[in-house]
Amino acid sequence: MESTSRFLQGVYPFEGKGLESPFPIADALSYTVPDGVVTQPVYFRGGNSTGELIYVVLMRDGTPMRYFPIGAKGDVHVPLRVVEDLDSGTVIELHLAAPEGVGGAVVVDLGLVEV
């Protein structure tokens, strides 16, 4: 069985809309599982340039799947030990929430494997 690695990653500026109001970070952080394969998210890494707690949400077809809190001026690496198969056509996106008016940059790196 052959596998292919995929990554959703980059550095993105943001302005918070409230901790209860996550929003899509960028169009580039959206992925649709191609026909004929199953995809598994395997890890998340993130960094936060602000002095406030923020979090990144991995969305699956518009529903929260995993939350990744990132402390003030902090970083996180989360190996996803409980992986889930994402079937063809599933859409995943990374959203972000931060306190209203807090601006900064987030560094994200989501590792996926297509099987």
C-alpha atoms as a PDB file:
ATOM      1  CA  MET A   1       0.000   0.000   0.000  1.00  0.00           C
ATOM      2  CA  GLU A   2       1.470   3.321  -1.079  1.00  0.00           C
ATOM      3  CA  SER A   3       0.910   6.512   0.920  1.00  0.00           C
ATOM      4  CA  THR A   4       1.326  10.197   0.051  1.00  0.00           C
ATOM      5  CA  SER A   5       2.045  12.977   2.537  1.00  0.00           C
ATOM      6  CA  ARG A   6       0.087  16.236   2.341  1.00  0.00           C
ATOM      7  CA  PHE A   7       0.559  19.393   4.377  1.00  0.00           C
ATOM      8  CA  LEU A   8      -1.544  22.427   5.207  1.00  0.00           C
ATOM      9  CA  GLN A   9       1.002  24.955   6.399  1.00  0.00           C
ATOM     10  CA  GLY A  10       2.185  28.540   6.429  1.00  0.00           C
ATOM     11  CA  VAL A  11       2.280  31.789   8.403  1.00  0.00           C
ATOM     12  CA  TYR A  12      -0.919  33.822   8.420  1.00  0.00           C
ATOM     13  CA  PRO A  13      -1.797  37.204   9.928  1.00  0.00           C
ATOM     14  CA  PHE A  14      -5.128  37.476  11.749  1.00  0.00           C
ATOM     15  CA  GLU A  15      -7.309  39.720  13.858  1.00  0.00           C
ATOM     16  CA  GLY A  16      -9.392  38.014  16.535  1.00  0.00           C
ATOM     17  CA  LYS A  17     -13.179  38.100  16.505  1.00  0.00           C
ATOM     18  CA  GLY A  18     -13.677  36.570  19.969  1.00  0.00           C
ATOM     19  CA  LEU A  19     -12.787  33.217  21.489  1.00  0.00           C
ATOM     20  CA  GLU A  20     -16.261  31.913  20.685  1.00  0.00           C
ATOM     21  CA  SER A  21     -16.079  33.030  17.047  1.00  0.00           C
ATOM     22  CA  PRO A  22     -13.609  30.893  15.083  1.00  0.00           C
ATOM     23  CA  PHE A  23     -13.117  31.794  11.417  1.00  0.00           C
ATOM     24  CA  PRO A  24     -11.278  30.256   8.431  1.00  0.00           C
ATOM     25  CA  ILE A  25      -7.616  31.257   8.522  1.00  0.00           C
ATOM     26  CA  ALA A  26      -6.996  31.161   4.757  1.00  0.00           C
ATOM     27  CA  ASP A  27      -8.300  29.446   1.619  1.00  0.00           C
ATOM     28  CA  ALA A  28      -4.962  27.610   1.352  1.00  0.00           C
ATOM     29  CA  LEU A  29      -5.770  25.788   4.604  1.00  0.00           C
ATOM     30  CA  SER A  30      -8.659  23.844   3.104  1.00  0.00           C
ATOM     31  CA  TYR A  31      -8.332  20.310   1.710  1.00  0.00           C
ATOM     32  CA  THR A  32     -10.792  17.920   0.082  1.00  0.00           C
ATOM     33  CA  VAL A  33      -9.969  14.212   0.240  1.00  0.00           C
ATOM     34  CA  PRO A  34      -9.509  13.088  -3.384  1.00  0.00           C
ATOM     35  CA  ASP A  35     -11.561  10.302  -4.938  1.00  0.00           C
ATOM     36  CA  GLY A  36     -10.207   6.817  -4.360  1.00  0.00           C
ATOM     37  CA  VAL A  37      -8.153   7.523  -1.235  1.00  0.00           C
ATOM     38  CA  VAL A  38      -8.619   7.757   2.511  1.00  0.00           C
ATOM     39  CA  THR A  39      -6.773  10.490   4.416  1.00  0.00           C
ATOM     40  CA  GLN A  40      -5.672  10.600   8.040  1.00  0.00           C
ATOM     41  CA  PRO A  41      -4.499  13.698   9.941  1.00  0.00           C
ATOM     42  CA  VAL A  42      -1.321  12.666  11.790  1.00  0.00           C
ATOM     43  CA  TYR A  43      -0.017  15.771  13.582  1.00  0.00           C
ATOM     44  CA  PHE A  44      -0.521  19.491  14.194  1.00  0.00           C
ATOM     45  CA  ARG A  45       2.112  22.101  14.949  1.00  0.00           C
ATOM     46  CA  GLY A  46       1.284  25.703  15.665  1.00  0.00           C
ATOM     47  CA  GLY A  47       2.792  28.932  16.895  1.00  0.00           C
ATOM     48  CA  ASN A  48       1.204  32.123  18.214  1.00  0.00           C
ATOM     49  CA  SER A  49       2.894  35.546  18.021  1.00  0.00           C
ATOM     50  CA  THR A  50       0.423  37.322  20.319  1.00  0.00           C
ATOM     51  CA  GLY A  51       0.382  37.842  24.069  1.00  0.00           C
ATOM     52  CA  GLU A  52      -3.031  36.099  24.357  1.00  0.00           C
ATOM     53  CA  LEU A  53      -4.321  32.542  24.201  1.00  0.00           C
ATOM     54  CA  ILE A  54      -5.621  31.556  20.770  1.00  0.00           C
ATOM     55  CA  TYR A  55      -6.761  28.245  19.348  1.00  0.00           C
ATOM     56  CA  VAL A  56      -6.898  26.519  15.982  1.00  0.00           C
ATOM     57  CA  VAL A  57      -9.815  24.249  15.138  1.00  0.00           C
ATOM     58  CA  LEU A  58      -9.592  21.400  12.645  1.00  0.00           C
ATOM     59  CA  MET A  59     -13.003  21.407  10.957  1.00  0.00           C
ATOM     60  CA  ARG A  60     -14.449  18.346   9.235  1.00  0.00           C
ATOM     61  CA  ASP A  61     -17.286  19.129   6.795  1.00  0.00           C
ATOM     62  CA  GLY A  62     -18.050  22.274   8.793  1.00  0.00           C
ATOM     63  CA  THR A  63     -18.019  20.603  12.214  1.00  0.00           C
ATOM     64  CA  PRO A  64     -15.204  20.915  14.786  1.00  0.00           C
ATOM     65  CA  MET A  65     -13.045  17.781  14.857  1.00  0.00           C
ATOM     66  CA  ARG A  66     -10.064  18.788  17.055  1.00  0.00           C
ATOM     67  CA  TYR A  67      -9.118  21.910  19.057  1.00  0.00           C
ATOM     68  CA  PHE A  68      -5.490  23.021  19.430  1.00  0.00           C
ATOM     69  CA  PRO A  69      -5.013  25.754  22.064  1.00  0.00           C
ATOM     70  CA  ILE A  70      -1.805  27.765  21.674  1.00  0.00           C
ATOM     71  CA  GLY A  71      -0.598  29.831  24.614  1.00  0.00           C
ATOM     72  CA  ALA A  72       0.601  33.437  24.505  1.00  0.00           C
ATOM     73  CA  LYS A  73       3.782  33.681  22.433  1.00  0.00           C
ATOM     74  CA  GLY A  74       3.820  29.906  22.509  1.00  0.00           C
ATOM     75  CA  ASP A  75       3.869  26.875  20.322  1.00  0.00           C
ATOM     76  CA  VAL A  76       2.425  23.390  20.322  1.00  0.00           C
ATOM     77  CA  HIS A  77       3.147  20.051  18.662  1.00  0.00           C
ATOM     78  CA  VAL A  78       0.359  17.501  18.866  1.00  0.00           C
ATOM     79  CA  PRO A  79       0.925  14.026  17.455  1.00  0.00           C
ATOM     80  CA  LEU A  80      -2.579  12.718  16.775  1.00  0.00           C
ATOM     81  CA  ARG A  81      -2.470   9.264  18.339  1.00  0.00           C
ATOM     82  CA  VAL A  82      -6.148   8.692  17.691  1.00  0.00           C
ATOM     83  CA  VAL A  83      -6.358   9.034  13.940  1.00  0.00           C
ATOM     84  CA  GLU A  84      -9.567   8.870  11.991  1.00  0.00           C
ATOM     85  CA  ASP A  85     -10.090   7.887   8.384  1.00  0.00           C
ATOM     86  CA  LEU A  86     -11.444  10.724   6.267  1.00  0.00           C
ATOM     87  CA  ASP A  87     -13.291   9.338   3.244  1.00  0.00           C
ATOM     88  CA  SER A  88     -13.199  10.742  -0.292  1.00  0.00           C
ATOM     89  CA  GLY A  89     -15.041  14.036  -0.568  1.00  0.00           C
ATOM     90  CA  THR A  90     -14.516  15.019   3.076  1.00  0.00           C
ATOM     91  CA  VAL A  91     -13.547  18.682   3.409  1.00  0.00           C
ATOM     92  CA  ILE A  92     -11.224  19.745   6.205  1.00  0.00           C
ATOM     93  CA  GLU A  93     -10.269  23.319   7.090  1.00  0.00           C
ATOM     94  CA  LEU A  94      -8.268  25.080   9.764  1.00  0.00           C
ATOM     95  CA  HIS A  95     -10.086  27.847  11.634  1.00  0.00           C
ATOM     96  CA  LEU A  96      -8.739  30.188  14.308  1.00  0.00           C
ATOM     97  CA  ALA A  97     -10.211  31.970  17.305  1.00  0.00           C
ATOM     98  CA  ALA A  98      -8.583  34.767  19.296  1.00  0.00           C
ATOM     99  CA  PRO A  99      -9.869  37.471  21.665  1.00  0.00           C
ATOM    100  CA  GLU A 100     -11.654  40.269  19.836  1.00  0.00           C
ATOM    101  CA  GLY A 101      -9.257  42.848  18.401  1.00  0.00           C
ATOM    102  CA  VAL A 102      -6.110  40.833  19.112  1.00  0.00           C
ATOM    103  CA  GLY A 103      -3.932  40.821  16.026  1.00  0.00           C
ATOM    104  CA  GLY A 104      -0.894  38.772  15.245  1.00  0.00           C
ATOM    105  CA  ALA A 105       0.327  35.862  13.191  1.00  0.00           C
ATOM    106  CA  VAL A 106      -0.218  32.148  13.510  1.00  0.00           C
ATOM    107  CA  VAL A 107       2.137  29.486  12.220  1.00  0.00           C
ATOM    108  CA  VAL A 108       0.377  26.252  11.260  1.00  0.00           C
ATOM    109  CA  ASP A 109       1.570  22.892   9.977  1.00  0.00           C
ATOM    110  CA  LEU A 110      -0.987  20.092   9.681  1.00  0.00           C
ATOM    111  CA  GLY A 111       0.380  16.780   8.450  1.00  0.00           C
ATOM    112  CA  LEU A 112      -1.906  14.429   6.527  1.00  0.00           C
ATOM    113  CA  VAL A 113      -1.362  11.036   4.936  1.00  0.00           C
ATOM    114  CA  GLU A 114      -3.342   9.799   1.944  1.00  0.00           C
ATOM    115  CA  VAL A 115      -3.618   6.010   1.794  1.00  0.00           C
END
